[in-house]
N, C-alpha and C. Protein backbone atom coordinates (compact mmCIF):
# COMPACT_ATOMS: atom_id res chain seq x y z
N MET A 1 105.06 89.07 94.00
CA MET A 1 105.15 90.07 94.99
C MET A 1 105.92 91.27 94.40
N LYS A 2 105.41 92.43 94.32
CA LYS A 2 106.17 93.55 93.83
C LYS A 2 106.67 94.35 95.05
N ILE A 3 107.93 94.69 94.99
CA ILE A 3 108.51 95.50 96.03
C ILE A 3 108.72 96.94 95.52
N THR A 4 108.16 97.88 96.20
CA THR A 4 108.15 99.22 95.75
C THR A 4 108.68 100.16 96.93
N GLU A 5 109.59 100.97 96.48
CA GLU A 5 110.19 101.95 97.46
C GLU A 5 109.33 103.12 97.58
N LEU A 6 109.17 103.60 98.83
CA LEU A 6 108.45 104.80 98.99
C LEU A 6 109.16 106.12 98.54
N ALA A 7 108.50 106.89 97.79
CA ALA A 7 109.14 108.16 97.39
C ALA A 7 108.81 109.40 98.33
N SER A 8 107.76 109.28 99.05
CA SER A 8 107.38 110.46 99.86
C SER A 8 108.15 110.58 101.10
N PRO A 9 108.77 111.79 101.42
CA PRO A 9 109.64 111.90 102.52
C PRO A 9 108.78 111.80 103.84
N ARG A 10 107.48 112.19 103.80
CA ARG A 10 106.69 112.08 105.01
C ARG A 10 106.46 110.57 105.37
N LEU A 11 106.41 109.69 104.37
CA LEU A 11 106.14 108.37 104.64
C LEU A 11 107.40 107.62 105.12
N ASP A 12 108.61 108.25 105.03
CA ASP A 12 109.81 107.67 105.47
C ASP A 12 110.07 107.98 106.96
N LEU A 13 109.22 108.92 107.51
CA LEU A 13 109.55 109.34 108.97
C LEU A 13 109.55 108.14 110.02
N PRO A 14 108.63 107.25 109.92
CA PRO A 14 108.58 106.22 111.07
C PRO A 14 109.91 105.43 111.05
N ARG A 15 110.45 105.04 112.30
CA ARG A 15 111.59 104.38 112.23
C ARG A 15 111.55 103.03 112.89
N THR A 16 110.32 102.56 112.82
CA THR A 16 110.05 101.18 113.31
C THR A 16 109.37 100.28 112.19
N THR A 17 109.42 99.04 112.39
CA THR A 17 108.84 98.17 111.54
C THR A 17 107.40 98.10 111.71
N ILE A 18 106.63 98.31 110.67
CA ILE A 18 105.13 98.18 110.83
C ILE A 18 104.60 97.05 109.98
N LEU A 19 103.65 96.28 110.52
CA LEU A 19 103.00 95.20 109.86
C LEU A 19 101.45 95.53 109.83
N ALA A 20 100.97 95.56 108.64
CA ALA A 20 99.56 95.89 108.41
C ALA A 20 98.83 94.69 107.97
N LEU A 21 97.68 94.25 108.51
CA LEU A 21 96.97 93.10 108.09
C LEU A 21 95.44 93.40 107.75
N ASP A 22 95.01 92.67 106.77
CA ASP A 22 93.53 92.70 106.50
C ASP A 22 93.29 91.16 106.74
N LEU A 23 92.70 90.93 107.91
CA LEU A 23 92.44 89.63 108.41
C LEU A 23 91.32 88.93 107.70
N GLY A 24 91.51 87.60 107.39
CA GLY A 24 90.39 86.82 106.78
C GLY A 24 91.05 85.52 106.35
N THR A 25 90.19 84.69 105.78
CA THR A 25 90.64 83.38 105.15
C THR A 25 91.80 83.70 104.24
N THR A 26 91.63 84.71 103.29
CA THR A 26 92.76 85.19 102.51
C THR A 26 93.12 86.49 103.23
N THR A 27 94.29 86.45 103.89
CA THR A 27 94.85 87.56 104.58
C THR A 27 95.74 88.45 103.78
N GLY A 28 95.52 89.71 103.65
CA GLY A 28 96.31 90.66 102.97
C GLY A 28 97.29 91.15 103.94
N TRP A 29 98.57 91.37 103.57
CA TRP A 29 99.52 91.92 104.48
C TRP A 29 100.50 92.86 103.85
N ALA A 30 101.00 93.72 104.61
CA ALA A 30 102.03 94.73 104.04
C ALA A 30 103.02 95.06 105.19
N LEU A 31 104.35 95.01 104.87
CA LEU A 31 105.38 95.16 105.81
C LEU A 31 106.26 96.30 105.42
N ARG A 32 106.58 97.21 106.36
CA ARG A 32 107.61 98.30 106.12
C ARG A 32 108.54 98.27 107.19
N ALA A 33 109.77 98.03 106.91
CA ALA A 33 110.84 98.12 107.91
C ALA A 33 111.65 99.33 107.46
N PRO A 34 112.31 100.00 108.45
CA PRO A 34 113.19 101.12 108.14
C PRO A 34 114.23 100.83 107.10
N ALA A 35 114.40 101.76 106.18
CA ALA A 35 115.43 101.74 105.09
C ALA A 35 115.22 100.54 104.21
N THR A 36 114.05 99.97 104.09
CA THR A 36 113.80 98.98 103.22
C THR A 36 112.54 99.20 102.45
N PRO A 37 112.44 98.54 101.28
CA PRO A 37 111.12 98.72 100.54
C PRO A 37 109.97 98.07 101.20
N ILE A 38 108.84 98.52 100.90
CA ILE A 38 107.59 97.88 101.39
C ILE A 38 107.39 96.51 100.59
N THR A 39 107.14 95.40 101.49
CA THR A 39 106.80 94.21 100.87
C THR A 39 105.29 93.94 101.20
N HIS A 40 104.59 93.16 100.27
CA HIS A 40 103.22 92.97 100.55
C HIS A 40 102.83 91.66 99.80
N GLY A 41 101.64 91.10 100.24
CA GLY A 41 101.18 89.98 99.58
C GLY A 41 99.93 89.46 100.17
N VAL A 42 99.49 88.24 99.84
CA VAL A 42 98.36 87.63 100.47
C VAL A 42 98.78 86.23 100.90
N ILE A 43 98.08 85.61 101.86
CA ILE A 43 98.39 84.26 102.34
C ILE A 43 97.03 83.76 102.66
N SER A 44 96.75 82.41 102.36
CA SER A 44 95.49 81.79 102.58
C SER A 44 95.63 81.00 103.86
N PHE A 45 94.61 81.14 104.76
CA PHE A 45 94.44 80.30 105.93
C PHE A 45 93.11 79.45 105.82
N LYS A 46 92.81 78.97 104.61
CA LYS A 46 91.75 78.13 104.44
C LYS A 46 92.00 76.84 105.03
N THR A 47 90.99 76.29 105.68
CA THR A 47 91.22 74.99 106.33
C THR A 47 91.42 73.97 105.24
N GLN A 48 92.24 73.13 105.57
CA GLN A 48 92.66 72.02 104.56
C GLN A 48 91.81 70.83 104.80
N ARG A 49 91.74 69.95 103.88
CA ARG A 49 91.04 68.67 104.22
C ARG A 49 91.68 67.98 105.27
N PHE A 50 90.81 67.35 106.10
CA PHE A 50 91.25 66.51 107.28
C PHE A 50 91.77 67.29 108.38
N GLU A 51 91.77 68.66 108.39
CA GLU A 51 92.18 69.46 109.40
C GLU A 51 91.10 69.82 110.35
N GLY A 52 91.40 70.10 111.66
CA GLY A 52 90.42 70.48 112.61
C GLY A 52 90.25 72.01 112.44
N GLY A 53 89.23 72.51 113.07
CA GLY A 53 88.93 73.91 112.88
C GLY A 53 90.03 74.78 113.47
N GLY A 54 90.69 74.40 114.43
CA GLY A 54 91.70 75.31 115.00
C GLY A 54 93.08 75.43 114.26
N MET A 55 93.25 74.58 113.25
CA MET A 55 94.45 74.55 112.62
C MET A 55 94.84 75.89 111.73
N ARG A 56 93.77 76.56 111.28
CA ARG A 56 93.96 77.83 110.57
C ARG A 56 94.68 78.77 111.48
N TYR A 57 94.23 78.78 112.80
CA TYR A 57 94.80 79.71 113.73
C TYR A 57 96.14 79.40 114.18
N LEU A 58 96.44 78.04 114.21
CA LEU A 58 97.84 77.64 114.50
C LEU A 58 98.77 78.02 113.38
N ARG A 59 98.27 77.79 112.12
CA ARG A 59 99.10 78.28 110.97
C ARG A 59 99.29 79.67 110.85
N PHE A 60 98.28 80.53 111.26
CA PHE A 60 98.42 81.99 111.31
C PHE A 60 99.48 82.32 112.37
N GLY A 61 99.41 81.81 113.53
CA GLY A 61 100.41 82.06 114.57
C GLY A 61 101.82 81.75 114.16
N ARG A 62 102.00 80.64 113.36
CA ARG A 62 103.29 80.17 112.84
C ARG A 62 103.77 81.33 111.88
N TRP A 63 102.78 81.78 110.97
CA TRP A 63 103.16 82.76 109.95
C TRP A 63 103.59 84.08 110.61
N LEU A 64 102.81 84.37 111.63
CA LEU A 64 103.24 85.66 112.47
C LEU A 64 104.69 85.45 112.88
N ALA A 65 105.10 84.34 113.55
CA ALA A 65 106.40 84.06 114.00
C ALA A 65 107.38 84.16 112.91
N GLU A 66 107.07 83.66 111.76
CA GLU A 66 107.99 83.72 110.56
C GLU A 66 108.19 85.16 110.08
N MET A 67 107.11 85.95 110.13
CA MET A 67 107.24 87.39 109.66
C MET A 67 108.06 88.03 110.75
N LYS A 68 107.96 87.81 111.99
CA LYS A 68 108.79 88.46 112.99
C LYS A 68 110.22 87.99 112.88
N ALA A 69 110.50 86.78 112.45
CA ALA A 69 111.90 86.30 112.23
C ALA A 69 112.54 86.85 111.05
N VAL A 70 111.77 87.15 109.99
CA VAL A 70 112.54 87.68 108.86
C VAL A 70 112.77 89.22 108.93
N VAL A 71 112.21 89.92 109.87
CA VAL A 71 112.35 91.30 110.03
C VAL A 71 113.85 91.50 110.50
N VAL A 72 114.57 92.33 109.72
CA VAL A 72 115.97 92.47 110.11
C VAL A 72 116.22 93.63 111.04
N ALA A 73 115.27 94.40 111.29
CA ALA A 73 115.35 95.63 112.25
C ALA A 73 115.75 95.08 113.65
N PRO A 74 116.72 95.67 114.32
CA PRO A 74 117.08 95.21 115.67
C PRO A 74 115.90 95.00 116.60
N GLU A 75 114.89 95.93 116.50
CA GLU A 75 113.75 95.81 117.44
C GLU A 75 112.63 94.85 116.98
N GLY A 76 112.80 94.21 115.82
CA GLY A 76 111.78 93.46 115.27
C GLY A 76 110.57 94.18 114.89
N ILE A 77 109.45 93.58 114.89
CA ILE A 77 108.16 94.25 114.51
C ILE A 77 107.84 95.35 115.65
N GLY A 78 107.73 96.58 115.30
CA GLY A 78 107.47 97.63 116.25
C GLY A 78 106.00 97.97 116.47
N ALA A 79 105.07 97.65 115.55
CA ALA A 79 103.62 97.87 115.65
C ALA A 79 102.90 97.08 114.72
N VAL A 80 101.77 96.61 115.04
CA VAL A 80 100.84 95.82 114.18
C VAL A 80 99.50 96.60 114.06
N TYR A 81 99.03 96.85 112.75
CA TYR A 81 97.75 97.47 112.44
C TYR A 81 96.93 96.43 111.84
N PHE A 82 95.67 96.30 112.15
CA PHE A 82 94.78 95.43 111.47
C PHE A 82 93.47 96.12 111.14
N GLU A 83 92.88 95.69 110.03
CA GLU A 83 91.55 96.29 109.72
C GLU A 83 90.56 95.78 110.61
N GLU A 84 89.81 96.75 111.28
CA GLU A 84 88.86 96.35 112.34
C GLU A 84 87.45 96.36 111.68
N VAL A 85 86.92 95.16 111.49
CA VAL A 85 85.66 95.05 110.84
C VAL A 85 84.66 94.93 111.81
N ARG A 86 83.55 95.64 111.73
CA ARG A 86 82.40 95.63 112.68
C ARG A 86 81.15 94.91 112.25
N ARG A 87 81.15 94.63 110.84
CA ARG A 87 79.93 94.03 110.35
C ARG A 87 80.36 93.01 109.30
N HIS A 88 80.00 91.75 109.40
CA HIS A 88 80.25 90.75 108.50
C HIS A 88 79.01 90.28 107.77
N LEU A 89 79.10 89.83 106.43
CA LEU A 89 77.95 89.42 105.69
C LEU A 89 77.61 87.97 106.09
N GLY A 90 78.43 87.25 106.68
CA GLY A 90 78.15 85.81 106.94
C GLY A 90 78.70 85.43 108.39
N VAL A 91 78.08 84.44 108.94
CA VAL A 91 78.48 84.05 110.29
C VAL A 91 79.83 83.39 110.06
N ASP A 92 80.17 82.56 109.17
CA ASP A 92 81.53 81.94 109.00
C ASP A 92 82.60 83.05 108.98
N ALA A 93 82.29 84.03 108.20
CA ALA A 93 83.36 85.05 108.07
C ALA A 93 83.67 85.78 109.34
N ALA A 94 82.55 85.99 110.04
CA ALA A 94 82.71 86.66 111.41
C ALA A 94 83.49 85.70 112.45
N HIS A 95 83.26 84.43 112.36
CA HIS A 95 84.00 83.46 113.22
C HIS A 95 85.47 83.41 112.79
N VAL A 96 85.75 83.36 111.58
CA VAL A 96 87.09 83.26 111.13
C VAL A 96 87.76 84.73 111.52
N TYR A 97 87.19 85.69 111.26
CA TYR A 97 87.80 87.05 111.62
C TYR A 97 88.04 87.14 113.14
N GLY A 98 87.11 86.67 113.88
CA GLY A 98 87.21 86.74 115.39
C GLY A 98 88.32 85.80 115.84
N GLY A 99 88.46 84.65 115.33
CA GLY A 99 89.54 83.79 115.69
C GLY A 99 90.96 84.27 115.30
N LEU A 100 90.95 84.89 114.04
CA LEU A 100 92.30 85.41 113.66
C LEU A 100 92.62 86.63 114.48
N MET A 101 91.67 87.50 114.78
CA MET A 101 92.02 88.72 115.62
C MET A 101 92.34 88.28 117.05
N ALA A 102 91.60 87.31 117.61
CA ALA A 102 92.12 86.78 118.92
C ALA A 102 93.61 86.25 118.94
N THR A 103 93.89 85.49 117.83
CA THR A 103 95.17 84.83 117.77
C THR A 103 96.26 86.02 117.58
N LEU A 104 95.96 87.05 116.79
CA LEU A 104 96.81 88.24 116.47
C LEU A 104 97.01 88.89 117.86
N THR A 105 95.95 89.30 118.52
CA THR A 105 96.09 90.23 119.70
C THR A 105 96.87 89.44 120.81
N ALA A 106 96.55 88.10 120.97
CA ALA A 106 97.29 87.36 121.93
C ALA A 106 98.81 87.28 121.63
N TRP A 107 99.05 87.01 120.41
CA TRP A 107 100.43 86.95 119.90
C TRP A 107 101.13 88.26 120.10
N CYS A 108 100.59 89.43 119.92
CA CYS A 108 101.06 90.65 120.15
C CYS A 108 101.40 90.95 121.53
N GLU A 109 100.41 90.60 122.42
CA GLU A 109 100.60 90.73 123.77
C GLU A 109 101.79 89.85 124.29
N GLN A 110 101.80 88.77 123.85
CA GLN A 110 102.87 87.72 124.16
C GLN A 110 104.28 88.29 123.85
N HIS A 111 104.43 88.93 122.76
CA HIS A 111 105.70 89.56 122.22
C HIS A 111 105.80 91.02 122.58
N GLN A 112 104.84 91.52 123.33
CA GLN A 112 104.88 93.05 123.69
C GLN A 112 104.97 93.93 122.52
N ILE A 113 104.22 93.66 121.48
CA ILE A 113 104.14 94.47 120.32
C ILE A 113 102.82 95.28 120.32
N PRO A 114 102.89 96.56 120.22
CA PRO A 114 101.70 97.41 120.22
C PRO A 114 100.85 97.02 119.01
N TYR A 115 99.56 97.04 119.16
CA TYR A 115 98.68 96.76 118.00
C TYR A 115 97.40 97.76 118.10
N LEU A 116 96.91 97.91 116.96
CA LEU A 116 95.66 98.84 116.75
C LEU A 116 94.77 98.34 115.57
N GLY A 117 93.47 98.22 115.92
CA GLY A 117 92.50 98.01 114.96
C GLY A 117 91.99 99.28 114.34
N VAL A 118 92.04 99.51 113.04
CA VAL A 118 91.60 100.74 112.40
C VAL A 118 90.29 100.44 111.58
N PRO A 119 89.18 101.17 111.94
CA PRO A 119 87.95 100.97 111.18
C PRO A 119 88.22 100.99 109.62
N VAL A 120 87.36 100.19 108.97
CA VAL A 120 87.39 100.02 107.55
C VAL A 120 87.16 101.34 106.82
N GLY A 121 86.20 102.14 107.23
CA GLY A 121 85.85 103.41 106.67
C GLY A 121 87.00 104.33 106.74
N THR A 122 87.83 104.35 107.87
CA THR A 122 88.86 105.20 107.94
C THR A 122 90.07 104.97 106.91
N ILE A 123 90.26 103.56 106.67
CA ILE A 123 91.26 103.21 105.68
C ILE A 123 90.80 103.41 104.27
N LYS A 124 89.49 103.29 103.90
CA LYS A 124 89.03 103.56 102.65
C LYS A 124 88.98 105.06 102.40
N ARG A 125 88.60 105.87 103.38
CA ARG A 125 88.74 107.34 103.17
C ARG A 125 90.11 107.84 102.95
N HIS A 126 91.00 107.26 103.63
CA HIS A 126 92.49 107.66 103.43
C HIS A 126 92.95 107.22 102.03
N ALA A 127 92.56 106.07 101.59
CA ALA A 127 93.08 105.69 100.27
C ALA A 127 92.33 106.21 99.02
N THR A 128 91.00 106.45 99.18
CA THR A 128 90.22 106.91 98.04
C THR A 128 89.48 108.19 98.29
N GLY A 129 89.41 108.65 99.37
CA GLY A 129 88.61 109.89 99.69
C GLY A 129 87.09 109.63 100.09
N ARG A 130 86.83 108.31 99.95
CA ARG A 130 85.43 107.87 100.27
C ARG A 130 85.45 106.79 101.22
N GLY A 131 84.66 106.95 102.36
CA GLY A 131 84.64 105.90 103.38
C GLY A 131 83.94 104.59 103.03
N ASN A 132 83.22 104.66 101.95
CA ASN A 132 82.49 103.48 101.51
C ASN A 132 82.89 102.99 100.15
N ALA A 133 84.25 103.23 99.74
CA ALA A 133 84.68 102.76 98.52
C ALA A 133 84.57 101.24 98.37
N GLY A 134 84.34 100.80 97.15
CA GLY A 134 84.27 99.36 96.92
C GLY A 134 85.61 98.75 96.61
N LYS A 135 85.62 97.38 96.45
CA LYS A 135 86.89 96.66 96.44
C LYS A 135 87.72 97.02 95.11
N ALA A 136 87.04 97.42 94.02
CA ALA A 136 87.61 97.69 92.71
C ALA A 136 88.29 99.10 92.95
N GLU A 137 87.74 99.95 93.69
CA GLU A 137 88.31 101.36 93.90
C GLU A 137 89.54 101.26 94.79
N MET A 138 89.54 100.34 95.73
CA MET A 138 90.72 100.20 96.64
C MET A 138 91.85 99.66 95.76
N ILE A 139 91.56 98.57 94.98
CA ILE A 139 92.63 98.07 94.16
C ILE A 139 93.17 99.14 93.23
N ALA A 140 92.34 99.82 92.57
CA ALA A 140 92.70 100.94 91.64
C ALA A 140 93.62 102.02 92.38
N ALA A 141 93.20 102.36 93.70
CA ALA A 141 93.94 103.36 94.39
C ALA A 141 95.44 102.80 94.67
N MET A 142 95.56 101.54 94.99
CA MET A 142 96.93 101.08 95.33
C MET A 142 97.70 100.75 94.02
N ARG A 143 96.95 100.45 92.91
CA ARG A 143 97.73 100.39 91.69
C ARG A 143 98.20 101.69 91.22
N ALA A 144 97.44 102.74 91.46
CA ALA A 144 97.79 104.15 91.11
C ALA A 144 99.14 104.60 91.79
N GLN A 145 99.22 103.89 93.00
CA GLN A 145 100.55 104.24 93.74
C GLN A 145 101.71 103.35 93.35
N GLY A 146 101.48 102.49 92.26
CA GLY A 146 102.66 101.75 91.69
C GLY A 146 102.71 100.23 92.30
N TYR A 147 101.68 99.78 93.07
CA TYR A 147 101.62 98.49 93.58
C TYR A 147 100.88 97.55 92.61
N ALA A 148 101.54 96.34 92.34
CA ALA A 148 100.95 95.29 91.50
C ALA A 148 100.10 94.42 92.47
N VAL A 149 98.95 94.89 92.96
CA VAL A 149 98.17 94.06 93.95
C VAL A 149 97.38 93.04 93.22
N ARG A 150 97.21 91.85 93.84
CA ARG A 150 96.36 90.72 93.28
C ARG A 150 94.99 90.78 93.49
N ASP A 151 94.59 91.34 94.77
CA ASP A 151 93.21 91.25 95.17
C ASP A 151 92.85 92.50 96.17
N ASP A 152 91.68 92.50 96.61
CA ASP A 152 91.34 93.57 97.52
C ASP A 152 91.89 93.44 98.92
N ASN A 153 92.30 92.20 99.23
CA ASN A 153 92.88 92.05 100.62
C ASN A 153 94.25 92.58 100.67
N GLU A 154 95.04 92.40 99.71
CA GLU A 154 96.26 93.02 99.54
C GLU A 154 96.26 94.41 99.45
N ALA A 155 95.30 94.99 98.65
CA ALA A 155 95.11 96.48 98.52
C ALA A 155 94.74 97.14 99.84
N ASP A 156 93.85 96.46 100.55
CA ASP A 156 93.41 96.98 101.83
C ASP A 156 94.60 97.03 102.95
N ALA A 157 95.41 96.01 102.86
CA ALA A 157 96.63 95.98 103.80
C ALA A 157 97.60 97.13 103.48
N LEU A 158 97.85 97.21 102.06
CA LEU A 158 98.66 98.38 101.73
C LEU A 158 98.15 99.75 102.12
N ALA A 159 96.75 99.91 101.89
CA ALA A 159 96.10 101.13 102.25
C ALA A 159 96.20 101.40 103.75
N LEU A 160 96.11 100.37 104.53
CA LEU A 160 96.25 100.48 106.03
C LEU A 160 97.71 100.86 106.45
N LEU A 161 98.68 100.26 105.77
CA LEU A 161 99.96 100.66 106.00
C LEU A 161 100.27 102.06 105.61
N HIS A 162 99.73 102.55 104.53
CA HIS A 162 99.90 103.92 104.21
C HIS A 162 99.24 104.88 105.17
N TRP A 163 97.99 104.42 105.73
CA TRP A 163 97.41 105.23 106.77
C TRP A 163 98.24 105.24 107.99
N ALA A 164 98.84 104.12 108.40
CA ALA A 164 99.56 104.11 109.61
C ALA A 164 100.83 104.95 109.52
N LEU A 165 101.53 104.90 108.30
CA LEU A 165 102.69 105.69 108.06
C LEU A 165 102.28 107.22 108.07
N ALA A 166 101.12 107.56 107.41
CA ALA A 166 100.69 108.97 107.45
C ALA A 166 100.42 109.48 108.79
N GLN A 167 100.02 108.65 109.69
CA GLN A 167 99.81 109.04 111.21
C GLN A 167 101.07 109.16 111.88
N GLU A 168 102.24 108.80 111.25
CA GLU A 168 103.54 108.73 111.93
C GLU A 168 103.42 107.73 113.09
N ALA A 169 102.73 106.63 112.80
CA ALA A 169 102.64 105.57 113.83
C ALA A 169 103.78 104.96 114.23
N GLY A 170 104.85 104.97 113.43
CA GLY A 170 106.14 104.28 113.81
C GLY A 170 106.93 104.94 114.90
N THR A 171 106.66 106.23 115.05
CA THR A 171 107.39 106.99 116.00
C THR A 171 106.64 107.37 117.32
N VAL A 172 105.26 107.73 117.10
CA VAL A 172 104.46 108.07 118.19
C VAL A 172 103.18 107.27 118.09
N LEU A 173 103.00 106.25 118.94
CA LEU A 173 101.74 105.45 118.93
C LEU A 173 100.89 106.04 120.04
N ASP A 174 99.66 106.40 119.52
CA ASP A 174 98.78 107.11 120.41
C ASP A 174 98.16 106.30 121.49
N ALA A 175 97.29 106.82 122.43
CA ALA A 175 96.82 106.12 123.56
C ALA A 175 95.97 104.96 123.26
N GLU A 176 95.50 104.89 122.05
CA GLU A 176 94.58 103.78 121.65
C GLU A 176 95.28 102.53 121.46
N VAL A 177 96.59 102.61 121.29
CA VAL A 177 97.45 101.43 121.09
C VAL A 177 97.58 100.70 122.36
N ARG A 178 97.35 99.43 122.35
CA ARG A 178 97.53 98.61 123.58
C ARG A 178 98.92 98.04 123.60
N ARG A 179 99.44 97.95 124.86
CA ARG A 179 100.68 97.35 125.03
C ARG A 179 100.59 96.08 126.02
N GLY A 180 101.42 95.09 125.66
CA GLY A 180 101.34 93.82 126.48
C GLY A 180 102.09 94.01 127.87
């Protein structure tokens, strides 16, 4: 995991901790807390042998709790943004995404953390200038900003975090954000 400090003064404006997620069996994540570098990575929620179907969602919930616990900001996680996917190529991917999104939104409601789903095209347009950019283009865009990303999930989470920061999401959450 590469830790990179933001050089742009505009991106330093938000004063709350933001968690950005690209939900899926392999979930990409990016975390930005005030006065700390951005951290990012990927985590697998693939079902293990002999596990029931709900175990991936329990492990995801535990991972969210761990992320909340490691945040050193006094207010904890101030906002969660996730990639809002409206079309899946397979039924299994749609089921996994739906379960992870349900787990995430319930967890945010429980902890009174504002959350917002951002359309895929919006994230891609912000990162590359094209709303239909491919995986390789997203990876290249994040590498051009100095991040050593491993895959498209991590690149998407970083691009989403940069979109949220550019919207000054840490200081003014618009009316679309839901509160618990």
